[in-house]
């Protein structure tokens, strides 16, 4: 199927109930919104794995659901730094941000982008940095501990950002780093305890959220 054919198919599946349900979970993009469930999109993606040209065509459709599908079919080996930068700037929901992060986390430049995006001011761009860290902790089994220890200063620095989608992503990154192995768990718990002593409510929330899982 070509990109226009896939887009036509996606539009034929548009779900008013799905749109309403996603809005209740804070997914309300500026672009066209079809309300399609992620499992459905992942099923559709299976026939087009690593079709990077198709992913690029789907992204420029300006349809939220097609952009999600683009992240599922894109080839991380062919994704460029510039493409990832353009895409992250266009993410307008936490769902699309996380989907993109789970593509970027498999690239050779994942750590560089994670560090960089964590410094950005936009809520979704900053979230992308920490979602990429979380994704790397989950998916990149071959990486050494030093990669993840280097993320802890980013986590500490941005723990004072009380925006919902940021603080949740910061906690997510800290928790996933801590779950990799005993060494990183010890480091993550120590970092959470430091955050718990900060005056910022968001830092204390992140600490509580992380410790509830890492000390269980």
N, C-alpha and C. Protein backbone atom coordinates (compact mmCIF):
# COMPACT_ATOMS: atom_id res chain seq x y z
N UNK A 1 0.84 -1.20 0.00
CA UNK A 1 0.00 0.00 0.00
C UNK A 1 0.87 1.25 0.00
N UNK A 2 0.47 2.24 -0.73
CA UNK A 2 1.16 3.53 -0.76
C UNK A 2 0.68 4.38 0.40
N UNK A 3 1.40 5.47 0.66
CA UNK A 3 1.01 6.37 1.74
C UNK A 3 -0.42 6.90 1.54
N UNK A 4 -0.79 7.37 0.34
CA UNK A 4 -2.17 7.84 0.15
C UNK A 4 -3.21 6.75 0.41
N UNK A 5 -2.89 5.52 0.02
CA UNK A 5 -3.83 4.41 0.26
C UNK A 5 -3.96 4.14 1.76
N UNK A 6 -2.84 4.15 2.46
CA UNK A 6 -2.87 3.92 3.91
C UNK A 6 -3.64 5.04 4.60
N UNK A 7 -3.40 6.26 4.20
CA UNK A 7 -4.09 7.40 4.82
C UNK A 7 -5.59 7.32 4.56
N UNK A 8 -5.97 6.93 3.35
CA UNK A 8 -7.39 6.76 3.05
C UNK A 8 -7.99 5.68 3.94
N UNK A 9 -7.23 4.60 4.14
CA UNK A 9 -7.72 3.52 5.01
C UNK A 9 -7.84 4.00 6.45
N UNK A 10 -6.87 4.75 6.91
CA UNK A 10 -6.93 5.26 8.28
C UNK A 10 -8.17 6.14 8.47
N UNK A 11 -8.41 6.99 7.51
CA UNK A 11 -9.58 7.88 7.62
C UNK A 11 -10.89 7.10 7.61
N UNK A 12 -10.90 5.97 6.91
CA UNK A 12 -12.12 5.15 6.89
C UNK A 12 -12.39 4.51 8.24
N UNK A 13 -11.37 4.46 9.09
CA UNK A 13 -11.50 3.85 10.41
C UNK A 13 -11.74 4.88 11.51
N UNK A 14 -11.88 6.12 11.14
CA UNK A 14 -12.04 7.19 12.12
C UNK A 14 -13.10 6.84 13.17
N UNK A 15 -12.77 7.08 14.43
CA UNK A 15 -13.66 6.70 15.53
C UNK A 15 -13.96 7.92 16.41
N UNK A 16 -15.20 8.34 16.39
CA UNK A 16 -15.61 9.45 17.25
C UNK A 16 -15.43 9.09 18.72
N UNK A 17 -15.79 7.86 19.07
CA UNK A 17 -15.63 7.41 20.45
C UNK A 17 -14.15 7.35 20.82
N UNK A 18 -13.31 6.92 19.86
CA UNK A 18 -11.88 6.86 20.11
C UNK A 18 -11.28 8.23 20.33
N UNK A 19 -11.74 9.21 19.56
CA UNK A 19 -11.27 10.58 19.73
C UNK A 19 -11.64 11.09 21.12
N UNK A 20 -12.89 10.88 21.52
CA UNK A 20 -13.35 11.33 22.83
C UNK A 20 -12.56 10.67 23.94
N UNK A 21 -12.30 9.38 23.80
CA UNK A 21 -11.55 8.66 24.82
C UNK A 21 -10.13 9.16 24.93
N UNK A 22 -9.50 9.43 23.80
CA UNK A 22 -8.13 9.93 23.83
C UNK A 22 -8.05 11.33 24.41
N UNK A 23 -9.04 12.14 24.11
CA UNK A 23 -9.07 13.49 24.69
C UNK A 23 -9.15 13.41 26.21
N UNK A 24 -9.89 12.45 26.72
CA UNK A 24 -9.97 12.30 28.18
C UNK A 24 -8.62 11.97 28.78
N UNK A 25 -7.73 11.38 27.99
CA UNK A 25 -6.38 11.06 28.48
C UNK A 25 -5.36 12.12 28.05
N UNK A 26 -5.87 13.28 27.65
CA UNK A 26 -4.98 14.39 27.34
C UNK A 26 -4.36 14.34 25.97
N UNK A 27 -4.90 13.51 25.07
CA UNK A 27 -4.39 13.42 23.71
C UNK A 27 -5.31 14.24 22.82
N UNK A 28 -4.90 15.47 22.54
CA UNK A 28 -5.74 16.39 21.78
C UNK A 28 -4.84 17.19 20.82
N UNK A 29 -4.45 16.56 19.71
CA UNK A 29 -3.50 17.19 18.80
C UNK A 29 -4.09 18.38 18.04
N UNK A 30 -3.21 19.22 17.56
CA UNK A 30 -3.62 20.33 16.70
C UNK A 30 -3.91 19.84 15.28
N UNK A 31 -3.31 18.72 14.91
CA UNK A 31 -3.49 18.17 13.58
C UNK A 31 -4.76 17.32 13.52
N UNK A 32 -5.07 16.79 12.34
CA UNK A 32 -6.24 15.93 12.18
C UNK A 32 -6.14 14.73 13.11
N UNK A 33 -7.23 14.38 13.72
CA UNK A 33 -7.26 13.36 14.78
C UNK A 33 -8.32 12.32 14.43
N UNK A 34 -7.90 11.06 14.30
CA UNK A 34 -8.83 9.99 13.91
C UNK A 34 -9.23 9.09 15.07
N UNK A 35 -8.53 9.19 16.18
CA UNK A 35 -8.90 8.42 17.37
C UNK A 35 -8.62 6.93 17.27
N UNK A 36 -7.63 6.53 16.48
CA UNK A 36 -7.34 5.11 16.31
C UNK A 36 -6.45 4.60 17.44
N UNK A 37 -6.74 3.41 17.90
CA UNK A 37 -6.00 2.83 19.02
C UNK A 37 -4.60 2.41 18.58
N UNK A 38 -3.65 2.53 19.48
CA UNK A 38 -2.27 2.16 19.18
C UNK A 38 -2.14 0.69 18.77
N UNK A 39 -2.81 -0.28 19.44
CA UNK A 39 -2.69 -1.68 18.97
C UNK A 39 -3.11 -1.85 17.52
N UNK A 40 -4.15 -1.14 17.10
CA UNK A 40 -4.57 -1.21 15.70
C UNK A 40 -3.47 -0.67 14.79
N UNK A 41 -2.88 0.46 15.15
CA UNK A 41 -1.82 1.04 14.34
C UNK A 41 -0.60 0.12 14.29
N UNK A 42 -0.28 -0.51 15.39
CA UNK A 42 0.86 -1.42 15.41
C UNK A 42 0.59 -2.64 14.52
N UNK A 43 -0.64 -3.10 14.49
CA UNK A 43 -0.99 -4.22 13.60
C UNK A 43 -0.82 -3.81 12.14
N UNK A 44 -1.28 -2.62 11.81
CA UNK A 44 -1.12 -2.12 10.45
C UNK A 44 0.36 -1.95 10.08
N UNK A 45 1.17 -1.60 11.07
CA UNK A 45 2.59 -1.35 10.82
C UNK A 45 3.36 -2.61 10.47
N UNK A 46 2.87 -3.77 10.88
CA UNK A 46 3.63 -5.01 10.70
C UNK A 46 3.99 -5.28 9.25
N UNK A 47 3.11 -4.90 8.34
CA UNK A 47 3.36 -5.16 6.92
C UNK A 47 4.33 -4.16 6.30
N UNK A 48 4.73 -3.15 7.08
CA UNK A 48 5.54 -2.07 6.52
C UNK A 48 6.77 -1.77 7.37
N UNK A 49 7.23 -2.73 8.13
CA UNK A 49 8.36 -2.50 9.03
C UNK A 49 9.59 -1.98 8.27
N UNK A 50 10.23 -0.97 8.83
CA UNK A 50 11.47 -0.40 8.32
C UNK A 50 11.32 0.22 6.94
N UNK A 51 10.10 0.56 6.57
CA UNK A 51 9.87 1.24 5.29
C UNK A 51 10.02 2.75 5.55
N UNK A 52 11.24 3.22 5.51
CA UNK A 52 11.49 4.60 5.91
C UNK A 52 10.87 5.64 4.97
N UNK A 53 10.93 5.44 3.66
CA UNK A 53 10.26 6.40 2.78
C UNK A 53 8.77 6.52 3.07
N UNK A 54 8.13 5.39 3.37
CA UNK A 54 6.72 5.43 3.74
C UNK A 54 6.52 6.22 5.02
N UNK A 55 7.39 6.03 5.99
CA UNK A 55 7.28 6.77 7.25
C UNK A 55 7.35 8.27 7.01
N UNK A 56 8.26 8.69 6.15
CA UNK A 56 8.39 10.11 5.86
C UNK A 56 7.12 10.66 5.21
N UNK A 57 6.52 9.89 4.31
CA UNK A 57 5.29 10.32 3.65
C UNK A 57 4.12 10.37 4.63
N UNK A 58 4.07 9.40 5.53
CA UNK A 58 3.00 9.40 6.52
C UNK A 58 3.11 10.60 7.46
N UNK A 59 4.33 10.94 7.82
CA UNK A 59 4.51 12.05 8.76
C UNK A 59 4.01 13.36 8.18
N UNK A 60 4.30 13.63 6.92
CA UNK A 60 3.94 14.92 6.34
C UNK A 60 2.45 15.03 6.04
N UNK A 61 1.68 13.98 6.37
CA UNK A 61 0.22 14.02 6.16
C UNK A 61 -0.47 14.99 7.11
N UNK A 62 0.20 15.35 8.21
CA UNK A 62 -0.40 16.20 9.24
C UNK A 62 -1.62 15.55 9.88
N UNK A 63 -1.58 14.24 9.99
CA UNK A 63 -2.62 13.46 10.69
C UNK A 63 -1.95 12.79 11.88
N UNK A 64 -2.48 13.03 13.07
CA UNK A 64 -1.86 12.51 14.29
C UNK A 64 -1.67 11.00 14.21
N UNK A 65 -2.68 10.29 13.81
CA UNK A 65 -2.64 8.83 13.77
C UNK A 65 -1.63 8.33 12.73
N UNK A 66 -1.55 9.02 11.60
CA UNK A 66 -0.57 8.65 10.58
C UNK A 66 0.84 8.91 11.07
N UNK A 67 1.03 9.95 11.85
CA UNK A 67 2.35 10.23 12.41
C UNK A 67 2.74 9.17 13.43
N UNK A 68 1.79 8.72 14.23
CA UNK A 68 2.07 7.60 15.13
C UNK A 68 2.51 6.39 14.32
N UNK A 69 1.77 6.08 13.26
CA UNK A 69 2.12 4.95 12.41
C UNK A 69 3.51 5.13 11.81
N UNK A 70 3.85 6.36 11.45
CA UNK A 70 5.17 6.63 10.89
C UNK A 70 6.28 6.21 11.85
N UNK A 71 6.11 6.47 13.14
CA UNK A 71 7.14 6.10 14.11
C UNK A 71 7.25 4.59 14.24
N UNK A 72 6.17 3.87 13.95
CA UNK A 72 6.19 2.41 14.07
C UNK A 72 6.83 1.74 12.86
N UNK A 73 6.81 2.38 11.70
CA UNK A 73 7.36 1.76 10.49
C UNK A 73 8.73 2.32 10.12
N UNK A 74 9.12 3.44 10.69
CA UNK A 74 10.40 4.07 10.33
C UNK A 74 11.58 3.17 10.70
N UNK A 75 12.66 3.33 9.97
CA UNK A 75 13.88 2.57 10.20
C UNK A 75 14.84 3.42 11.04
N UNK A 76 15.11 3.03 12.28
CA UNK A 76 16.01 3.85 13.12
C UNK A 76 17.40 3.99 12.52
N UNK A 77 17.81 3.03 11.70
CA UNK A 77 19.12 3.12 11.08
C UNK A 77 19.16 4.18 9.98
N UNK A 78 17.99 4.56 9.47
CA UNK A 78 17.93 5.56 8.40
C UNK A 78 17.41 6.91 8.89
N UNK A 79 16.93 6.94 10.12
CA UNK A 79 16.49 8.21 10.68
C UNK A 79 17.70 9.09 10.91
N UNK A 80 17.67 10.31 10.43
CA UNK A 80 18.79 11.22 10.61
C UNK A 80 18.56 12.13 11.81
N UNK A 81 19.62 12.75 12.24
CA UNK A 81 19.51 13.71 13.34
C UNK A 81 18.57 14.86 12.96
N UNK A 82 18.68 15.33 11.72
CA UNK A 82 17.83 16.44 11.28
C UNK A 82 16.37 16.03 11.22
N UNK A 83 16.11 14.81 10.74
CA UNK A 83 14.72 14.33 10.69
C UNK A 83 14.13 14.23 12.09
N UNK A 84 14.91 13.68 13.02
CA UNK A 84 14.40 13.55 14.38
C UNK A 84 14.13 14.91 14.99
N UNK A 85 14.96 15.90 14.63
CA UNK A 85 14.78 17.24 15.16
C UNK A 85 13.52 17.88 14.59
N UNK A 86 13.29 17.69 13.31
CA UNK A 86 12.07 18.24 12.70
C UNK A 86 10.83 17.58 13.30
N UNK A 87 10.90 16.28 13.48
CA UNK A 87 9.73 15.57 14.00
C UNK A 87 9.43 15.94 15.44
N UNK A 88 10.46 16.05 16.26
CA UNK A 88 10.20 16.36 17.67
C UNK A 88 9.58 17.74 17.83
N UNK A 89 9.96 18.65 16.95
CA UNK A 89 9.39 20.00 17.00
C UNK A 89 7.90 20.01 16.64
N UNK A 90 7.44 18.98 15.94
CA UNK A 90 6.05 18.91 15.51
C UNK A 90 5.19 18.02 16.41
N UNK A 91 5.79 17.41 17.41
CA UNK A 91 5.00 16.59 18.34
C UNK A 91 4.10 17.49 19.17
N UNK A 92 2.82 17.16 19.19
CA UNK A 92 1.86 18.01 19.91
C UNK A 92 0.99 17.24 20.90
N UNK A 93 1.38 15.98 21.19
CA UNK A 93 0.73 15.22 22.26
C UNK A 93 1.80 14.37 22.94
N UNK A 94 1.51 13.98 24.17
CA UNK A 94 2.46 13.11 24.86
C UNK A 94 2.57 11.75 24.17
N UNK A 95 1.47 11.30 23.57
CA UNK A 95 1.47 9.99 22.92
C UNK A 95 2.41 9.97 21.72
N UNK A 96 2.36 11.00 20.90
CA UNK A 96 3.24 11.07 19.73
C UNK A 96 4.68 11.29 20.18
N UNK A 97 4.87 12.09 21.20
CA UNK A 97 6.21 12.32 21.74
C UNK A 97 6.85 11.02 22.18
N UNK A 98 6.11 10.21 22.92
CA UNK A 98 6.66 8.95 23.42
C UNK A 98 6.91 7.97 22.29
N UNK A 99 6.03 7.95 21.29
CA UNK A 99 6.22 7.06 20.14
C UNK A 99 7.49 7.44 19.40
N UNK A 100 7.72 8.73 19.22
CA UNK A 100 8.94 9.18 18.56
C UNK A 100 10.17 8.82 19.40
N UNK A 101 10.07 9.01 20.71
CA UNK A 101 11.19 8.68 21.58
C UNK A 101 11.58 7.21 21.48
N UNK A 102 10.56 6.35 21.33
CA UNK A 102 10.82 4.92 21.23
C UNK A 102 11.36 4.53 19.85
N UNK A 103 11.36 5.45 18.90
CA UNK A 103 12.10 5.27 17.65
C UNK A 103 13.53 5.79 17.81
N UNK A 104 13.65 6.98 18.36
CA UNK A 104 14.96 7.61 18.51
C UNK A 104 15.85 6.80 19.45
N UNK A 105 15.26 6.14 20.45
CA UNK A 105 16.10 5.44 21.42
C UNK A 105 16.89 4.29 20.79
N UNK A 106 16.55 3.91 19.57
CA UNK A 106 17.27 2.83 18.88
C UNK A 106 18.29 3.36 17.87
N UNK A 107 18.51 4.66 17.85
CA UNK A 107 19.47 5.25 16.92
C UNK A 107 20.84 5.38 17.57
N UNK A 108 21.85 5.62 16.73
CA UNK A 108 23.21 5.78 17.25
C UNK A 108 23.37 7.11 17.98
N UNK A 109 22.47 8.05 17.73
CA UNK A 109 22.56 9.37 18.36
C UNK A 109 21.56 9.55 19.49
N UNK A 110 21.02 8.46 19.99
CA UNK A 110 19.96 8.53 21.01
C UNK A 110 20.40 9.32 22.24
N UNK A 111 21.55 9.00 22.78
CA UNK A 111 22.00 9.67 24.02
C UNK A 111 22.21 11.16 23.79
N UNK A 112 22.76 11.51 22.64
CA UNK A 112 22.98 12.93 22.33
C UNK A 112 21.67 13.68 22.30
N UNK A 113 20.66 13.11 21.64
CA UNK A 113 19.36 13.77 21.56
C UNK A 113 18.67 13.81 22.92
N UNK A 114 18.81 12.75 23.70
CA UNK A 114 18.19 12.73 25.03
C UNK A 114 18.72 13.87 25.89
N UNK A 115 20.04 14.02 25.90
CA UNK A 115 20.64 15.12 26.67
C UNK A 115 20.16 16.47 26.14
N UNK A 116 20.21 16.63 24.83
CA UNK A 116 19.86 17.92 24.22
C UNK A 116 18.41 18.28 24.46
N UNK A 117 17.52 17.35 24.17
CA UNK A 117 16.09 17.65 24.30
C UNK A 117 15.70 17.92 25.75
N UNK A 118 16.40 17.32 26.69
CA UNK A 118 16.07 17.55 28.10
C UNK A 118 16.31 19.00 28.49
N UNK A 119 17.07 19.73 27.70
CA UNK A 119 17.35 21.14 28.01
C UNK A 119 16.37 22.10 27.33
N UNK A 120 15.53 21.59 26.46
CA UNK A 120 14.63 22.45 25.70
C UNK A 120 13.50 22.96 26.60
N UNK A 121 12.89 24.06 26.19
CA UNK A 121 11.85 24.66 27.01
C UNK A 121 10.46 24.11 26.73
N UNK A 122 10.17 23.72 25.49
CA UNK A 122 8.85 23.21 25.17
C UNK A 122 8.52 21.96 25.96
N UNK A 123 7.28 21.87 26.44
CA UNK A 123 6.90 20.75 27.30
C UNK A 123 7.10 19.40 26.61
N UNK A 124 6.65 19.28 25.38
CA UNK A 124 6.76 18.00 24.70
C UNK A 124 8.20 17.72 24.25
N UNK A 125 8.93 18.76 23.88
CA UNK A 125 10.32 18.54 23.50
C UNK A 125 11.14 18.09 24.71
N UNK A 126 10.89 18.72 25.85
CA UNK A 126 11.61 18.30 27.06
C UNK A 126 11.21 16.87 27.44
N UNK A 127 9.91 16.58 27.32
CA UNK A 127 9.46 15.22 27.61
C UNK A 127 10.17 14.21 26.69
N UNK A 128 10.36 14.59 25.43
CA UNK A 128 11.01 13.69 24.48
C UNK A 128 12.39 13.27 24.97
N UNK A 129 13.11 14.21 25.58
CA UNK A 129 14.42 13.86 26.11
C UNK A 129 14.36 12.76 27.15
N UNK A 130 13.46 12.91 28.10
CA UNK A 130 13.37 11.93 29.17
C UNK A 130 12.68 10.64 28.73
N UNK A 131 11.75 10.73 27.78
CA UNK A 131 11.14 9.51 27.23
C UNK A 131 12.18 8.71 26.46
N UNK A 132 13.10 9.41 25.80
CA UNK A 132 14.18 8.71 25.10
C UNK A 132 15.09 8.01 26.09
N UNK A 133 15.39 8.67 27.22
CA UNK A 133 16.18 8.01 28.26
C UNK A 133 15.49 6.75 28.76
N UNK A 134 14.19 6.86 29.02
CA UNK A 134 13.43 5.71 29.49
C UNK A 134 13.46 4.59 28.46
N UNK A 135 13.25 4.96 27.19
CA UNK A 135 13.27 3.96 26.13
C UNK A 135 14.61 3.28 26.00
N UNK A 136 15.68 4.04 26.12
CA UNK A 136 17.02 3.45 26.06
C UNK A 136 17.22 2.47 27.21
N UNK A 137 16.74 2.84 28.39
CA UNK A 137 16.89 1.95 29.55
C UNK A 137 16.13 0.65 29.35
N UNK A 138 15.02 0.71 28.64
CA UNK A 138 14.21 -0.49 28.39
C UNK A 138 14.78 -1.33 27.26
N UNK A 139 15.18 -0.68 26.17
CA UNK A 139 15.48 -1.39 24.92
C UNK A 139 16.96 -1.65 24.65
N UNK A 140 17.84 -0.81 25.17
CA UNK A 140 19.25 -0.89 24.77
C UNK A 140 20.06 -1.70 25.80
N UNK A 141 19.88 -2.99 25.76
CA UNK A 141 20.53 -3.87 26.74
C UNK A 141 22.05 -3.84 26.64
N UNK A 142 22.58 -3.45 25.47
CA UNK A 142 24.01 -3.52 25.25
C UNK A 142 24.78 -2.32 25.81
N UNK A 143 24.07 -1.29 26.23
CA UNK A 143 24.74 -0.07 26.65
C UNK A 143 25.32 -0.19 28.06
N UNK A 144 26.47 0.44 28.30
CA UNK A 144 27.09 0.37 29.63
C UNK A 144 26.37 1.29 30.62
N UNK A 145 26.62 1.05 31.90
CA UNK A 145 25.99 1.84 32.95
C UNK A 145 26.32 3.32 32.83
N UNK A 146 27.52 3.63 32.33
CA UNK A 146 27.96 5.03 32.27
C UNK A 146 27.00 5.89 31.44
N UNK A 147 26.40 5.30 30.42
CA UNK A 147 25.44 6.06 29.60
C UNK A 147 24.29 6.55 30.45
N UNK A 148 23.81 5.70 31.33
CA UNK A 148 22.64 6.02 32.14
C UNK A 148 22.99 6.86 33.36
N UNK A 149 24.16 6.64 33.92
CA UNK A 149 24.60 7.49 35.03
C UNK A 149 24.74 8.94 34.56
N UNK A 150 25.09 9.11 33.29
CA UNK A 150 25.24 10.46 32.75
C UNK A 150 23.91 11.18 32.60
N UNK A 151 22.80 10.44 32.65
CA UNK A 151 21.48 11.06 32.57
C UNK A 151 21.02 11.62 33.92
N UNK A 152 21.61 11.17 35.00
CA UNK A 152 21.14 11.59 36.33
C UNK A 152 21.25 13.09 36.56
N UNK A 153 22.31 13.76 36.11
CA UNK A 153 22.34 15.23 36.26
C UNK A 153 21.20 15.92 35.50
N UNK A 154 20.81 15.38 34.34
CA UNK A 154 19.68 15.94 33.61
C UNK A 154 18.40 15.79 34.42
N UNK A 155 18.23 14.62 35.02
CA UNK A 155 17.06 14.35 35.84
C UNK A 155 17.01 15.31 37.04
N UNK A 156 18.14 15.49 37.69
CA UNK A 156 18.18 16.40 38.84
C UNK A 156 17.87 17.83 38.42
N UNK A 157 18.46 18.26 37.31
CA UNK A 157 18.27 19.64 36.85
C UNK A 157 16.82 19.94 36.51
N UNK A 158 16.14 19.01 35.86
CA UNK A 158 14.78 19.27 35.39
C UNK A 158 13.70 18.80 36.36
N UNK A 159 14.12 18.29 37.50
CA UNK A 159 13.13 17.82 38.48
C UNK A 159 12.29 18.96 39.04
N UNK A 160 12.72 20.20 38.85
CA UNK A 160 11.96 21.34 39.38
C UNK A 160 10.90 21.83 38.40
N UNK A 161 10.83 21.21 37.23
CA UNK A 161 9.81 21.57 36.23
C UNK A 161 8.51 20.87 36.62
N UNK A 162 7.50 21.65 37.01
CA UNK A 162 6.28 21.04 37.54
C UNK A 162 5.21 20.78 36.48
N UNK A 163 5.54 20.94 35.20
CA UNK A 163 4.57 20.63 34.15
C UNK A 163 4.32 19.12 34.12
N UNK A 164 3.06 18.75 34.02
CA UNK A 164 2.65 17.36 34.18
C UNK A 164 3.43 16.41 33.28
N UNK A 165 3.50 16.71 31.99
CA UNK A 165 4.12 15.77 31.05
C UNK A 165 5.63 15.72 31.19
N UNK A 166 6.20 16.75 31.80
CA UNK A 166 7.64 16.74 32.06
C UNK A 166 7.94 15.91 33.30
N UNK A 167 7.30 16.23 34.41
CA UNK A 167 7.65 15.53 35.65
C UNK A 167 7.35 14.03 35.56
N UNK A 168 6.29 13.67 34.82
CA UNK A 168 6.01 12.24 34.65
C UNK A 168 7.11 11.56 33.85
N UNK A 169 7.62 12.25 32.84
CA UNK A 169 8.70 11.67 32.03
C UNK A 169 10.01 11.60 32.80
N UNK A 170 10.28 12.60 33.63
CA UNK A 170 11.49 12.58 34.46
C UNK A 170 11.45 11.38 35.40
N UNK A 171 10.31 11.18 36.04
CA UNK A 171 10.16 10.03 36.93
C UNK A 171 10.31 8.71 36.15
N UNK A 172 9.70 8.67 34.98
CA UNK A 172 9.77 7.48 34.13
C UNK A 172 11.23 7.14 33.82
N UNK A 173 11.99 8.13 33.42
CA UNK A 173 13.40 7.90 33.11
C UNK A 173 14.16 7.38 34.32
N UNK A 174 13.94 8.01 35.47
CA UNK A 174 14.64 7.61 36.69
C UNK A 174 14.27 6.18 37.07
N UNK A 175 12.99 5.85 36.99
CA UNK A 175 12.55 4.51 37.35
C UNK A 175 13.12 3.45 36.42
N UNK A 176 13.11 3.72 35.12
CA UNK A 176 13.61 2.72 34.17
C UNK A 176 15.12 2.55 34.27
N UNK A 177 15.82 3.62 34.53
CA UNK A 177 17.26 3.50 34.76
C UNK A 177 17.52 2.61 35.97
N UNK A 178 16.77 2.84 37.03
CA UNK A 178 16.96 2.07 38.25
C UNK A 178 16.62 0.60 38.11
N UNK A 179 15.79 0.27 37.14
CA UNK A 179 15.37 -1.13 36.97
C UNK A 179 16.31 -1.94 36.09
N UNK A 180 17.35 -1.31 35.57
CA UNK A 180 18.26 -2.05 34.67
C UNK A 180 19.11 -3.09 35.40
N UNK A 181 19.66 -2.72 36.54
CA UNK A 181 20.54 -3.64 37.27
C UNK A 181 20.77 -3.08 38.68
N UNK A 182 21.36 -3.87 39.57
CA UNK A 182 21.55 -3.41 40.95
C UNK A 182 22.39 -2.14 41.09
N UNK A 183 23.40 -1.99 40.25
CA UNK A 183 24.25 -0.80 40.34
C UNK A 183 23.45 0.46 40.02
N UNK A 184 22.68 0.40 38.95
CA UNK A 184 21.89 1.56 38.57
C UNK A 184 20.70 1.77 39.50
N UNK A 185 20.19 0.69 40.07
CA UNK A 185 19.12 0.85 41.06
C UNK A 185 19.62 1.64 42.27
N UNK A 186 20.81 1.29 42.74
CA UNK A 186 21.39 2.00 43.88
C UNK A 186 21.58 3.48 43.55
N UNK A 187 22.07 3.77 42.34
CA UNK A 187 22.30 5.16 41.94
C UNK A 187 20.99 5.92 41.80
N UNK A 188 19.97 5.25 41.24
CA UNK A 188 18.67 5.90 41.05
C UNK A 188 17.98 6.16 42.38
N UNK A 189 18.07 5.23 43.29
CA UNK A 189 17.48 5.42 44.62
C UNK A 189 18.17 6.57 45.34
N UNK A 190 19.49 6.64 45.25
CA UNK A 190 20.22 7.72 45.88
C UNK A 190 19.82 9.07 45.28
N UNK A 191 19.63 9.10 43.97
CA UNK A 191 19.21 10.34 43.32
C UNK A 191 17.80 10.72 43.77
N UNK A 192 16.92 9.75 43.85
CA UNK A 192 15.54 10.03 44.30
C UNK A 192 15.54 10.58 45.72
N UNK A 193 16.37 10.05 46.58
CA UNK A 193 16.44 10.54 47.96
C UNK A 193 16.94 11.98 48.01
N UNK A 194 17.85 12.32 47.08
CA UNK A 194 18.31 13.71 47.01
C UNK A 194 17.18 14.63 46.55
N UNK A 195 16.43 14.16 45.57
CA UNK A 195 15.31 14.96 45.06
C UNK A 195 14.25 15.17 46.14
N UNK A 196 14.09 14.19 47.00
CA UNK A 196 13.08 14.27 48.05
C UNK A 196 13.36 15.40 49.04
N UNK A 197 14.60 15.86 49.07
CA UNK A 197 14.98 16.93 50.01
C UNK A 197 14.90 18.32 49.39
N UNK A 198 14.59 18.38 48.11
CA UNK A 198 14.51 19.68 47.44
C UNK A 198 13.19 20.38 47.77
N UNK A 199 13.18 21.70 47.72
CA UNK A 199 11.94 22.42 48.06
C UNK A 199 10.88 22.35 46.96
N UNK A 200 11.28 22.04 45.74
CA UNK A 200 10.32 22.03 44.63
C UNK A 200 9.33 20.87 44.78
N UNK A 201 8.03 21.15 44.77
CA UNK A 201 7.03 20.08 44.88
C UNK A 201 7.20 19.01 43.80
N UNK A 202 7.56 19.42 42.59
CA UNK A 202 7.70 18.45 41.50
C UNK A 202 8.85 17.48 41.79
N UNK A 203 9.94 17.97 42.37
CA UNK A 203 11.07 17.11 42.70
C UNK A 203 10.67 16.09 43.75
N UNK A 204 9.92 16.53 44.74
CA UNK A 204 9.47 15.60 45.78
C UNK A 204 8.48 14.59 45.22
N UNK A 205 7.64 15.02 44.28
CA UNK A 205 6.70 14.09 43.64
C UNK A 205 7.45 13.03 42.85
N UNK A 206 8.47 13.45 42.10
CA UNK A 206 9.27 12.51 41.32
C UNK A 206 9.97 11.52 42.24
N UNK A 207 10.51 12.03 43.34
CA UNK A 207 11.19 11.16 44.30
C UNK A 207 10.23 10.11 44.86
N UNK A 208 9.07 10.54 45.27
CA UNK A 208 8.09 9.61 45.84
C UNK A 208 7.67 8.56 44.82
N UNK A 209 7.42 9.01 43.58
CA UNK A 209 6.99 8.12 42.52
C UNK A 209 8.07 7.09 42.21
N UNK A 210 9.30 7.52 42.14
CA UNK A 210 10.40 6.62 41.82
C UNK A 210 10.69 5.64 42.96
N UNK A 211 10.73 6.15 44.19
CA UNK A 211 11.05 5.28 45.31
C UNK A 211 9.97 4.23 45.56
N UNK A 212 8.72 4.57 45.26
CA UNK A 212 7.64 3.61 45.44
C UNK A 212 7.86 2.37 44.59
N UNK A 213 8.49 2.56 43.42
CA UNK A 213 8.73 1.42 42.52
C UNK A 213 10.10 0.81 42.75
N UNK A 214 11.11 1.62 42.96
CA UNK A 214 12.47 1.09 43.05
C UNK A 214 12.77 0.43 44.39
N UNK A 215 12.04 0.80 45.43
CA UNK A 215 12.29 0.20 46.74
C UNK A 215 11.31 -0.92 47.06
N UNK A 216 10.41 -1.20 46.11
CA UNK A 216 9.40 -2.24 46.35
C UNK A 216 10.05 -3.62 46.40
